[in-house]
C-alpha atoms as a PDB file:
ATOM      1  CA  MET A   1      -6.717 -19.252  -8.664  1.00  0.00           C
ATOM      2  CA  LEU A   2      -5.956 -15.506  -8.980  1.00  0.00           C
ATOM      3  CA  LYS A   3      -2.408 -14.405  -8.666  1.00  0.00           C
ATOM      4  CA  ILE A   4      -1.831 -11.085  -6.803  1.00  0.00           C
ATOM      5  CA  ALA A   5       1.332  -9.095  -6.176  1.00  0.00           C
ATOM      6  CA  SER A   6       2.057  -6.121  -3.861  1.00  0.00           C
ATOM      7  CA  ILE A   7       5.336  -4.145  -4.475  1.00  0.00           C
ATOM      8  CA  GLY A   8       7.020  -2.091  -2.057  1.00  0.00           C
ATOM      9  CA  GLU A   9       9.098  -1.742   1.093  1.00  0.00           C
ATOM     10  CA  CYS A  10       8.728  -2.902   4.587  1.00  0.00           C
ATOM     11  CA  MET A  11      10.989  -1.597   7.315  1.00  0.00           C
ATOM     12  CA  ILE A  12      12.076  -2.435  10.898  1.00  0.00           C
ATOM     13  CA  GLU A  13       9.760  -0.617  13.173  1.00  0.00           C
ATOM     14  CA  LEU A  14      10.860   0.621  16.758  1.00  0.00           C
ATOM     15  CA  VAL A  15       7.969   1.890  18.937  1.00  0.00           C
ATOM     16  CA  GLN A  16       8.487   3.519  22.522  1.00  0.00           C
ATOM     17  CA  ALA A  17       7.626   0.916  25.056  1.00  0.00           C
ATOM     18  CA  GLY A  18       8.453   2.863  28.244  1.00  0.00           C
ATOM     19  CA  PRO A  19      11.364   5.170  29.356  1.00  0.00           C
ATOM     20  CA  GLY A  20      14.467   4.193  27.423  1.00  0.00           C
ATOM     21  CA  LEU A  21      12.817   1.221  25.932  1.00  0.00           C
ATOM     22  CA  LEU A  22      11.839   0.464  22.300  1.00  0.00           C
ATOM     23  CA  ARG A  23       9.701  -2.384  21.117  1.00  0.00           C
ATOM     24  CA  GLN A  24      10.603  -3.967  17.684  1.00  0.00           C
ATOM     25  CA  GLY A  25       8.063  -4.622  14.829  1.00  0.00           C
ATOM     26  CA  TYR A  26       7.898  -4.162  11.133  1.00  0.00           C
ATOM     27  CA  GLY A  27       5.772  -2.028   8.983  1.00  0.00           C
ATOM     28  CA  GLY A  28       5.136  -0.630   5.380  1.00  0.00           C
ATOM     29  CA  ASP A  29       2.066   0.490   3.391  1.00  0.00           C
ATOM     30  CA  THR A  30       2.107  -2.176   0.656  1.00  0.00           C
ATOM     31  CA  LEU A  31       2.922  -4.966   3.157  1.00  0.00           C
ATOM     32  CA  ASN A  32       0.068  -3.842   5.401  1.00  0.00           C
ATOM     33  CA  THR A  33      -2.245  -4.043   2.414  1.00  0.00           C
ATOM     34  CA  ALA A  34      -0.954  -7.401   1.296  1.00  0.00           C
ATOM     35  CA  VAL A  35      -1.525  -8.921   4.818  1.00  0.00           C
ATOM     36  CA  TYR A  36      -5.075  -7.545   4.940  1.00  0.00           C
ATOM     37  CA  LEU A  37      -5.881  -8.606   1.469  1.00  0.00           C
ATOM     38  CA  ARG A  38      -4.701 -12.107   2.249  1.00  0.00           C
ATOM     39  CA  ARG A  39      -6.819 -12.364   5.371  1.00  0.00           C
ATOM     40  CA  SER A  40      -9.825 -11.009   3.499  1.00  0.00           C
ATOM     41  CA  LEU A  41      -9.640 -13.286   0.485  1.00  0.00           C
ATOM     42  CA  PRO A  42     -10.419 -17.033   0.846  1.00  0.00           C
ATOM     43  CA  ALA A  43      -7.338 -19.242   0.433  1.00  0.00           C
ATOM     44  CA  GLU A  44      -8.877 -21.047  -2.460  1.00  0.00           C
ATOM     45  CA  ALA A  45      -9.543 -17.668  -4.278  1.00  0.00           C
ATOM     46  CA  GLY A  46      -5.795 -16.844  -4.866  1.00  0.00           C
ATOM     47  CA  SER A  47      -2.372 -16.276  -3.761  1.00  0.00           C
ATOM     48  CA  VAL A  48      -0.860 -12.976  -2.493  1.00  0.00           C
ATOM     49  CA  ALA A  49       2.941 -12.359  -3.159  1.00  0.00           C
ATOM     50  CA  TYR A  50       5.002  -9.539  -1.741  1.00  0.00           C
ATOM     51  CA  VAL A  51       7.722  -8.179  -4.023  1.00  0.00           C
ATOM     52  CA  THR A  52      10.595  -6.383  -2.322  1.00  0.00           C
ATOM     53  CA  ALA A  53      14.153  -6.593  -1.392  1.00  0.00           C
ATOM     54  CA  LEU A  54      15.759  -7.334   2.027  1.00  0.00           C
ATOM     55  CA  GLY A  55      19.127  -8.079   3.358  1.00  0.00           C
ATOM     56  CA  ASP A  56      20.838 -11.252   4.448  1.00  0.00           C
ATOM     57  CA  ASP A  57      20.642 -10.378   8.190  1.00  0.00           C
ATOM     58  CA  SER A  58      18.635 -11.821  10.983  1.00  0.00           C
ATOM     59  CA  PHE A  59      16.029  -9.004  11.076  1.00  0.00           C
ATOM     60  CA  SER A  60      15.243  -9.846   7.268  1.00  0.00           C
ATOM     61  CA  ASP A  61      14.908 -13.414   8.244  1.00  0.00           C
ATOM     62  CA  GLU A  62      12.255 -12.693  10.948  1.00  0.00           C
ATOM     63  CA  MET A  63      10.349 -10.528   8.647  1.00  0.00           C
ATOM     64  CA  VAL A  64      10.095 -13.074   5.895  1.00  0.00           C
ATOM     65  CA  LYS A  65       9.060 -15.620   8.433  1.00  0.00           C
ATOM     66  CA  ALA A  66       6.387 -13.433   9.871  1.00  0.00           C
ATOM     67  CA  TRP A  67       4.961 -12.707   6.308  1.00  0.00           C
ATOM     68  CA  GLN A  68       5.097 -16.415   5.310  1.00  0.00           C
ATOM     69  CA  ALA A  69       2.937 -17.059   8.714  1.00  0.00           C
ATOM     70  CA  GLU A  70       0.378 -14.666   7.251  1.00  0.00           C
ATOM     71  CA  GLY A  71       0.150 -16.842   4.261  1.00  0.00           C
ATOM     72  CA  LEU A  72       2.122 -14.584   1.782  1.00  0.00           C
ATOM     73  CA  ASP A  73       4.008 -15.856  -0.990  1.00  0.00           C
ATOM     74  CA  CYS A  74       7.724 -14.603  -0.402  1.00  0.00           C
ATOM     75  CA  SER A  75       9.318 -16.206  -3.411  1.00  0.00           C
ATOM     76  CA  ARG A  76       9.580 -12.801  -4.989  1.00  0.00           C
ATOM     77  CA  VAL A  77      11.501 -11.348  -2.009  1.00  0.00           C
ATOM     78  CA  ALA A  78      15.082 -10.672  -2.940  1.00  0.00           C
ATOM     79  CA  ARG A  79      17.715 -11.286  -0.406  1.00  0.00           C
ATOM     80  CA  LEU A  80      20.574  -8.923  -1.045  1.00  0.00           C
ATOM     81  CA  GLU A  81      24.123  -9.959   0.375  1.00  0.00           C
ATOM     82  CA  GLY A  82      25.421  -7.380   2.781  1.00  0.00           C
ATOM     83  CA  ARG A  83      22.275  -5.193   2.780  1.00  0.00           C
ATOM     84  CA  LEU A  84      19.842  -4.260   5.447  1.00  0.00           C
ATOM     85  CA  PRO A  85      16.208  -3.317   5.480  1.00  0.00           C
ATOM     86  CA  GLY A  86      15.201   0.249   6.188  1.00  0.00           C
ATOM     87  CA  LEU A  87      14.283   1.333   9.852  1.00  0.00           C
ATOM     88  CA  TYR A  88      11.960   3.856  11.422  1.00  0.00           C
ATOM     89  CA  VAL A  89      11.257   4.985  15.029  1.00  0.00           C
ATOM     90  CA  ILE A  90       7.842   6.051  16.118  1.00  0.00           C
ATOM     91  CA  ARG A  91       7.751   8.642  18.878  1.00  0.00           C
ATOM     92  CA  THR A  92       4.741   9.814  20.756  1.00  0.00           C
ATOM     93  CA  ASP A  93       4.545  13.112  22.658  1.00  0.00           C
ATOM     94  CA  GLU A  94       2.565  13.956  25.711  1.00  0.00           C
ATOM     95  CA  ALA A  95      -0.572  14.844  23.840  1.00  0.00           C
ATOM     96  CA  GLY A  96      -0.276  11.392  22.136  1.00  0.00           C
ATOM     97  CA  GLU A  97       0.686  12.833  18.665  1.00  0.00           C
ATOM     98  CA  ARG A  98       3.145  10.634  16.883  1.00  0.00           C
ATOM     99  CA  SER A  99       6.133  11.530  14.759  1.00  0.00           C
ATOM    100  CA  PHE A 100       8.346   9.364  12.631  1.00  0.00           C
ATOM    101  CA  LEU A 101      12.126   9.241  12.215  1.00  0.00           C
ATOM    102  CA  TYR A 102      13.400   7.205   9.248  1.00  0.00           C
ATOM    103  CA  TRP A 103      16.739   5.557   8.342  1.00  0.00           C
ATOM    104  CA  ARG A 104      16.061   4.231   4.806  1.00  0.00           C
ATOM    105  CA  SER A 105      18.567   5.935   2.289  1.00  0.00           C
ATOM    106  CA  ALA A 106      20.431   2.591   1.866  1.00  0.00           C
ATOM    107  CA  ALA A 107      17.362   0.332   2.266  1.00  0.00           C
ATOM    108  CA  ALA A 108      17.687  -2.902   0.346  1.00  0.00           C
ATOM    109  CA  ALA A 109      14.213  -2.345  -1.275  1.00  0.00           C
ATOM    110  CA  LYS A 110      15.554   0.440  -3.167  1.00  0.00           C
ATOM    111  CA  GLU A 111      17.383  -2.146  -5.486  1.00  0.00           C
ATOM    112  CA  VAL A 112      14.354  -4.625  -5.888  1.00  0.00           C
ATOM    113  CA  PHE A 113      14.621  -4.086  -9.712  1.00  0.00           C
ATOM    114  CA  LYS A 114      18.178  -3.509 -10.044  1.00  0.00           C
ATOM    115  CA  GLY A 115      20.437  -5.595 -12.400  1.00  0.00           C
ATOM    116  CA  ALA A 116      19.792  -8.830 -14.178  1.00  0.00           C
ATOM    117  CA  ASP A 117      17.909 -10.311 -11.176  1.00  0.00           C
ATOM    118  CA  GLY A 118      15.865  -7.281 -10.785  1.00  0.00           C
ATOM    119  CA  GLU A 119      15.120  -7.249 -14.566  1.00  0.00           C
ATOM    120  CA  ALA A 120      13.832 -10.897 -14.199  1.00  0.00           C
ATOM    121  CA  ARG A 121      11.752  -9.840 -11.029  1.00  0.00           C
ATOM    122  CA  LEU A 122      10.195  -7.151 -13.127  1.00  0.00           C
ATOM    123  CA  ALA A 123       9.467  -9.558 -15.983  1.00  0.00           C
ATOM    124  CA  ALA A 124       7.820 -11.945 -13.595  1.00  0.00           C
ATOM    125  CA  LEU A 125       5.051  -9.373 -12.948  1.00  0.00           C
ATOM    126  CA  ALA A 126       3.525 -10.716 -16.065  1.00  0.00           C
ATOM    127  CA  ASP A 127       2.453 -13.895 -14.094  1.00  0.00           C
ATOM    128  CA  PHE A 128      -0.033 -11.725 -11.981  1.00  0.00           C
ATOM    129  CA  ASP A 129      -3.559 -10.979 -12.513  1.00  0.00           C
ATOM    130  CA  LEU A 130      -3.500  -7.936 -10.081  1.00  0.00           C
ATOM    131  CA  VAL A 131      -0.537  -5.815  -9.144  1.00  0.00           C
ATOM    132  CA  TYR A 132      -0.733  -3.448  -6.455  1.00  0.00           C
ATOM    133  CA  LEU A 133       1.599  -0.533  -5.635  1.00  0.00           C
ATOM    134  CA  SER A 134       1.712   2.874  -3.872  1.00  0.00           C
ATOM    135  CA  GLY A 135       3.469   6.074  -4.218  1.00  0.00           C
ATOM    136  CA  ILE A 136       5.919   4.927  -1.691  1.00  0.00           C
ATOM    137  CA  SER A 137       6.804   2.054  -4.042  1.00  0.00           C
ATOM    138  CA  LEU A 138       7.514   4.535  -6.675  1.00  0.00           C
ATOM    139  CA  ALA A 139       9.351   6.990  -4.477  1.00  0.00           C
ATOM    140  CA  ILE A 140      12.008   4.674  -3.249  1.00  0.00           C
ATOM    141  CA  LEU A 141      13.206   3.478  -6.681  1.00  0.00           C
ATOM    142  CA  PRO A 142      15.956   5.104  -8.736  1.00  0.00           C
ATOM    143  CA  ALA A 143      14.406   7.078 -11.579  1.00  0.00           C
ATOM    144  CA  ALA A 144      15.410   4.493 -14.146  1.00  0.00           C
ATOM    145  CA  ASP A 145      14.004   1.579 -12.311  1.00  0.00           C
ATOM    146  CA  ARG A 146      10.580   3.594 -11.586  1.00  0.00           C
ATOM    147  CA  GLU A 147      10.187   4.197 -15.427  1.00  0.00           C
ATOM    148  CA  LYS A 148      10.811   0.591 -16.135  1.00  0.00           C
ATOM    149  CA  LEU A 149       8.397  -0.462 -13.526  1.00  0.00           C
ATOM    150  CA  LEU A 150       5.608   1.892 -14.903  1.00  0.00           C
ATOM    151  CA  ALA A 151       6.256   0.648 -18.500  1.00  0.00           C
ATOM    152  CA  SER A 152       5.809  -2.966 -17.171  1.00  0.00           C
ATOM    153  CA  LEU A 153       2.534  -1.972 -15.399  1.00  0.00           C
ATOM    154  CA  ALA A 154       1.180  -0.281 -18.416  1.00  0.00           C
ATOM    155  CA  ALA A 155       1.863  -3.542 -20.475  1.00  0.00           C
ATOM    156  CA  ARG A 156       0.295  -5.670 -18.014  1.00  0.00           C
ATOM    157  CA  ARG A 157      -2.851  -3.523 -18.115  1.00  0.00           C
ATOM    158  CA  ARG A 158      -3.008  -3.616 -21.808  1.00  0.00           C
ATOM    159  CA  ALA A 159      -2.772  -7.440 -21.601  1.00  0.00           C
ATOM    160  CA  GLY A 160      -5.830  -7.476 -19.207  1.00  0.00           C
ATOM    161  CA  ALA A 161      -4.374  -7.493 -15.763  1.00  0.00           C
ATOM    162  CA  THR A 162      -5.843  -5.187 -13.182  1.00  0.00           C
ATOM    163  CA  ILE A 163      -3.373  -2.651 -11.663  1.00  0.00           C
ATOM    164  CA  ALA A 164      -4.300  -1.073  -8.233  1.00  0.00           C
ATOM    165  CA  PHE A 165      -2.573   2.052  -6.895  1.00  0.00           C
ATOM    166  CA  ASP A 166      -2.752   4.180  -3.886  1.00  0.00           C
ATOM    167  CA  PRO A 167      -0.679   7.523  -4.382  1.00  0.00           C
ATOM    168  CA  ASN A 168       0.226   7.663  -0.712  1.00  0.00           C
ATOM    169  CA  TYR A 169       2.037  10.885  -1.059  1.00  0.00           C
ATOM    170  CA  ARG A 170       4.920  11.481   1.437  1.00  0.00           C
ATOM    171  CA  PRO A 171       6.751  14.757   0.604  1.00  0.00           C
ATOM    172  CA  ARG A 172       9.896  13.807   2.339  1.00  0.00           C
ATOM    173  CA  LEU A 173      10.491  10.884  -0.111  1.00  0.00           C
ATOM    174  CA  TRP A 174      10.534  13.115  -3.173  1.00  0.00           C
ATOM    175  CA  PRO A 175      13.002  15.843  -4.136  1.00  0.00           C
ATOM    176  CA  ASP A 176      10.256  18.155  -5.097  1.00  0.00           C
ATOM    177  CA  LYS A 177       6.381  18.360  -5.812  1.00  0.00           C
ATOM    178  CA  GLU A 178       7.092  18.389  -9.566  1.00  0.00           C
ATOM    179  CA  SER A 179       8.785  15.051  -9.544  1.00  0.00           C
ATOM    180  CA  ALA A 180       6.071  13.572  -7.329  1.00  0.00           C
ATOM    181  CA  ARG A 181       3.268  14.890  -9.558  1.00  0.00           C
ATOM    182  CA  ALA A 182       5.039  13.659 -12.735  1.00  0.00           C
ATOM    183  CA  ALA A 183       5.583  10.092 -11.218  1.00  0.00           C
ATOM    184  CA  MET A 184       2.061   9.846  -9.790  1.00  0.00           C
ATOM    185  CA  THR A 185       0.392  11.141 -13.057  1.00  0.00           C
ATOM    186  CA  GLU A 186       2.093   8.339 -14.987  1.00  0.00           C
ATOM    187  CA  ALA A 187       1.210   5.723 -12.431  1.00  0.00           C
ATOM    188  CA  ALA A 188      -2.433   6.882 -12.574  1.00  0.00           C
ATOM    189  CA  LYS A 189      -2.382   6.272 -16.370  1.00  0.00           C
ATOM    190  CA  THR A 190      -1.366   2.599 -15.743  1.00  0.00           C
ATOM    191  CA  ALA A 191      -4.034   2.091 -13.089  1.00  0.00           C
ATOM    192  CA  THR A 192      -7.354   0.311 -13.321  1.00  0.00           C
ATOM    193  CA  ILE A 193      -8.231   1.050  -9.638  1.00  0.00           C
ATOM    194  CA  ILE A 194      -7.008   4.131  -7.629  1.00  0.00           C
ATOM    195  CA  LEU A 195      -7.403   4.448  -3.968  1.00  0.00           C
ATOM    196  CA  PRO A 196      -6.136   7.855  -2.855  1.00  0.00           C
ATOM    197  CA  SER A 197      -6.765   9.948   0.274  1.00  0.00           C
ATOM    198  CA  PHE A 198      -8.036  13.379  -0.416  1.00  0.00           C
ATOM    199  CA  ALA A 199      -5.733  15.376   1.834  1.00  0.00           C
ATOM    200  CA  GLU A 200      -2.790  14.024   0.027  1.00  0.00           C
ATOM    201  CA  GLU A 201      -4.176  14.622  -3.434  1.00  0.00           C
ATOM    202  CA  GLN A 202      -5.188  18.195  -2.321  1.00  0.00           C
ATOM    203  CA  ALA A 203      -1.669  18.823  -0.971  1.00  0.00           C
ATOM    204  CA  LEU A 204       0.047  17.394  -4.275  1.00  0.00           C
ATOM    205  CA  PHE A 205      -2.291  18.594  -6.967  1.00  0.00           C
ATOM    206  CA  GLY A 206      -4.357  21.337  -5.353  1.00  0.00           C
ATOM    207  CA  ASP A 207      -7.743  19.470  -5.736  1.00  0.00           C
ATOM    208  CA  THR A 208     -10.477  21.565  -3.991  1.00  0.00           C
ATOM    209  CA  THR A 209     -13.009  18.759  -3.492  1.00  0.00           C
ATOM    210  CA  PRO A 210     -13.021  14.960  -3.571  1.00  0.00           C
ATOM    211  CA  GLU A 211     -15.207  15.209  -6.634  1.00  0.00           C
ATOM    212  CA  ALA A 212     -12.215  17.128  -8.282  1.00  0.00           C
ATOM    213  CA  THR A 213      -9.953  14.221  -7.358  1.00  0.00           C
ATOM    214  CA  LEU A 214     -12.414  11.654  -8.717  1.00  0.00           C
ATOM    215  CA  ASP A 215     -12.715  13.358 -12.095  1.00  0.00           C
ATOM    216  CA  ARG A 216      -8.878  14.075 -12.490  1.00  0.00           C
ATOM    217  CA  LEU A 217      -8.040  10.305 -11.788  1.00  0.00           C
ATOM    218  CA  HIS A 218     -10.927   8.998 -13.911  1.00  0.00           C
ATOM    219  CA  ALA A 219      -9.642  11.170 -16.783  1.00  0.00           C
ATOM    220  CA  ALA A 220      -6.239   9.661 -16.413  1.00  0.00           C
ATOM    221  CA  GLY A 221      -7.770   6.273 -17.348  1.00  0.00           C
ATOM    222  CA  ALA A 222      -8.947   4.542 -14.036  1.00  0.00           C
ATOM    223  CA  GLU A 223     -12.075   2.683 -14.118  1.00  0.00           C
ATOM    224  CA  GLU A 224     -12.760   2.806 -10.374  1.00  0.00           C
ATOM    225  CA  VAL A 225     -11.617   5.584  -8.081  1.00  0.00           C
ATOM    226  CA  ILE A 226     -12.325   5.637  -4.300  1.00  0.00           C
ATOM    227  CA  VAL A 227     -11.379   8.733  -2.444  1.00  0.00           C
ATOM    228  CA  LYS A 228     -10.843   8.234   1.289  1.00  0.00           C
ATOM    229  CA  ASN A 229     -11.291  11.339   3.378  1.00  0.00           C
ATOM    230  CA  GLY A 230     -10.909  10.631   7.177  1.00  0.00           C
ATOM    231  CA  ASP A 231     -14.089  10.928   9.072  1.00  0.00           C
ATOM    232  CA  ALA A 232     -15.775  12.709   6.046  1.00  0.00           C
ATOM    233  CA  PRO A 233     -17.755  10.912   3.366  1.00  0.00           C
ATOM    234  CA  ILE A 234     -15.984   8.447   1.041  1.00  0.00           C
ATOM    235  CA  HIS A 235     -16.516   9.240  -2.700  1.00  0.00           C
ATOM    236  CA  PHE A 236     -16.101   6.638  -5.284  1.00  0.00           C
ATOM    237  CA  ARG A 237     -16.772   6.458  -8.988  1.00  0.00           C
ATOM    238  CA  MET A 238     -17.030   3.372 -11.432  1.00  0.00           C
ATOM    239  CA  ASN A 239     -16.799   4.694 -14.984  1.00  0.00           C
ATOM    240  CA  ASP A 240     -19.808   7.067 -15.002  1.00  0.00           C
ATOM    241  CA  GLU A 241     -21.377   6.089 -11.858  1.00  0.00           C
ATOM    242  CA  ARG A 242     -20.821   8.085  -8.712  1.00  0.00           C
ATOM    243  CA  PHE A 243     -21.478   7.146  -5.226  1.00  0.00           C
ATOM    244  CA  THR A 244     -20.948   8.567  -1.700  1.00  0.00           C
ATOM    245  CA  THR A 245     -20.969   6.776   1.681  1.00  0.00           C
ATOM    246  CA  LEU A 246     -20.065   7.728   5.400  1.00  0.00           C
ATOM    247  CA  PRO A 247     -17.156   5.703   6.990  1.00  0.00           C
ATOM    248  CA  ILE A 248     -18.112   4.065  10.283  1.00  0.00           C
ATOM    249  CA  GLN A 249     -17.624   6.558  13.083  1.00  0.00           C
ATOM    250  CA  VAL A 250     -15.505   5.164  15.833  1.00  0.00           C
ATOM    251  CA  GLY A 251     -15.601   6.877  19.295  1.00  0.00           C
ATOM    252  CA  ASP A 252     -12.700   4.732  20.819  1.00  0.00           C
ATOM    253  CA  THR A 253      -9.893   5.250  18.241  1.00  0.00           C
ATOM    254  CA  VAL A 254      -6.544   3.875  19.636  1.00  0.00           C
ATOM    255  CA  ASP A 255      -4.240   4.198  16.598  1.00  0.00           C
ATOM    256  CA  THR A 256      -5.027   5.243  13.041  1.00  0.00           C
ATOM    257  CA  THR A 257      -1.874   3.639  11.616  1.00  0.00           C
ATOM    258  CA  GLY A 258      -2.658   1.274   8.750  1.00  0.00           C
ATOM    259  CA  ALA A 259      -6.351   2.323   8.429  1.00  0.00           C
ATOM    260  CA  GLY A 260      -6.012   3.278   4.864  1.00  0.00           C
ATOM    261  CA  ASP A 261      -3.797   0.291   4.108  1.00  0.00           C
ATOM    262  CA  SER A 262      -6.331  -2.226   5.506  1.00  0.00           C
ATOM    263  CA  PHE A 263      -9.317  -0.368   3.607  1.00  0.00           C
ATOM    264  CA  ASN A 264      -7.341  -1.026   0.429  1.00  0.00           C
ATOM    265  CA  GLY A 265      -6.726  -4.737   1.138  1.00  0.00           C
ATOM    266  CA  ALA A 266     -10.406  -5.372   2.018  1.00  0.00           C
ATOM    267  CA  TYR A 267     -11.752  -3.445  -0.776  1.00  0.00           C
ATOM    268  CA  LEU A 268      -9.409  -5.307  -3.328  1.00  0.00           C
ATOM    269  CA  ALA A 269     -10.364  -8.697  -1.814  1.00  0.00           C
ATOM    270  CA  ALA A 270     -14.045  -7.972  -2.297  1.00  0.00           C
ATOM    271  CA  ARG A 271     -13.583  -6.784  -5.895  1.00  0.00           C
ATOM    272  CA  LEU A 272     -11.490  -9.838  -6.695  1.00  0.00           C
ATOM    273  CA  GLN A 273     -14.536 -11.915  -5.458  1.00  0.00           C
ATOM    274  CA  ASN A 274     -16.899  -9.965  -7.970  1.00  0.00           C
ATOM    275  CA  HIS A 275     -18.753  -8.152  -5.202  1.00  0.00           C
ATOM    276  CA  THR A 276     -20.171  -4.700  -6.228  1.00  0.00           C
ATOM    277  CA  ILE A 277     -18.124  -1.500  -5.598  1.00  0.00           C
ATOM    278  CA  ALA A 278     -20.658  -0.564  -2.746  1.00  0.00           C
ATOM    279  CA  HIS A 279     -20.233  -3.824  -1.031  1.00  0.00           C
ATOM    280  CA  ALA A 280     -16.336  -3.522  -1.404  1.00  0.00           C
ATOM    281  CA  VAL A 281     -16.453  -0.089   0.051  1.00  0.00           C
ATOM    282  CA  ASP A 282     -18.601  -1.241   3.021  1.00  0.00           C
ATOM    283  CA  ALA A 283     -16.268  -4.270   3.830  1.00  0.00           C
ATOM    284  CA  ALA A 284     -13.263  -1.740   3.527  1.00  0.00           C
ATOM    285  CA  THR A 285     -14.762   0.674   6.028  1.00  0.00           C
ATOM    286  CA  ARG A 286     -15.587  -2.160   8.473  1.00  0.00           C
ATOM    287  CA  LEU A 287     -12.111  -3.470   8.504  1.00  0.00           C
ATOM    288  CA  ALA A 288     -10.641   0.075   8.822  1.00  0.00           C
ATOM    289  CA  ALA A 289     -12.995   0.811  11.780  1.00  0.00           C
ATOM    290  CA  THR A 290     -11.692  -2.308  13.397  1.00  0.00           C
ATOM    291  CA  VAL A 291      -8.064  -1.622  12.782  1.00  0.00           C
ATOM    292  CA  ILE A 292      -8.015   1.865  14.305  1.00  0.00           C
ATOM    293  CA  ARG A 293      -9.466   0.371  17.662  1.00  0.00           C
ATOM    294  CA  HIS A 294      -6.176  -1.543  17.960  1.00  0.00           C
ATOM    295  CA  GLN A 295      -2.461  -0.526  18.331  1.00  0.00           C
ATOM    296  CA  GLY A 296      -0.218  -1.026  15.400  1.00  0.00           C
ATOM    297  CA  ALA A 297      -0.632  -1.178  11.570  1.00  0.00           C
ATOM    298  CA  VAL A 298      -1.267  -4.816  11.501  1.00  0.00           C
ATOM    299  CA  ILE A 299      -3.644  -6.051  14.218  1.00  0.00           C
ATOM    300  CA  PRO A 300      -3.917  -9.522  15.576  1.00  0.00           C
ATOM    301  CA  LYS A 301      -5.539 -12.069  13.203  1.00  0.00           C
ATOM    302  CA  ASP A 302      -8.255 -12.891  15.720  1.00  0.00           C
ATOM    303  CA  ALA A 303      -9.304  -9.267  15.844  1.00  0.00           C
ATOM    304  CA  THR A 304      -9.783  -8.837  12.225  1.00  0.00           C
ATOM    305  CA  LEU A 305     -13.397  -8.565  10.840  1.00  0.00           C
ATOM    306  CA  PHE A 306     -14.275 -10.220   7.641  1.00  0.00           C
END
């Protein structure tokens, strides 16, 4: 069986549920991908672990129980005494546009690789055949821990593991563009598979076309690059072969939250089962088209298409 790890942060989510009312949930890009990967991958094909840090509070208890119910391996989730998860609130205006407010400066996930226990958690990445992370996974870490993680991932790739990376650039998490560009570039050098969104790459690196993003990331060392671009064509490249396909057009979109995360999960699940890159992109677009027809980043299991 394959062993897969997804590294990152999951936060408490509060969503408007009426005047003066908020509904509690949880969310995080790498957690969403881990869930969809687990749902898309047959149980006998491999295990999916989530690597993060939470507090010792009741919210953290509920999050771990929910992840375990999804079939995730939570043995790599640190529980830090006296700490709490991050929190964010989603607000929706009269036009239906969403905005986000975050409380994450002291979130436990920042310390996932801190101290002796964190070093052991980092060393344990050597147990995994595929390690997935995002730009958010990098942004929340102290610089020294980020460097140690990237060094560990580079060693894992040299040893034959697959490293999958979604840059997922969020400007508010970085002190400046230069810091973000440097970290993203180093992460791209470690990655076998990179799954960026063109608008974010354009904003951070000034890429003029999706093809430019393909070429830059392939030159960094990636074997597979899949550039998502909203409703526009998806561009992907495997070594010297290039492909383009249209995403499924959805006329009844409800909520685009988690679309890219679900795409990544389904894509990786298909590739882990030795499907072609074209088949994997097709499976990923079908799942993403399903996700955006539902509210929330993680949709009900019975609504998921495989």
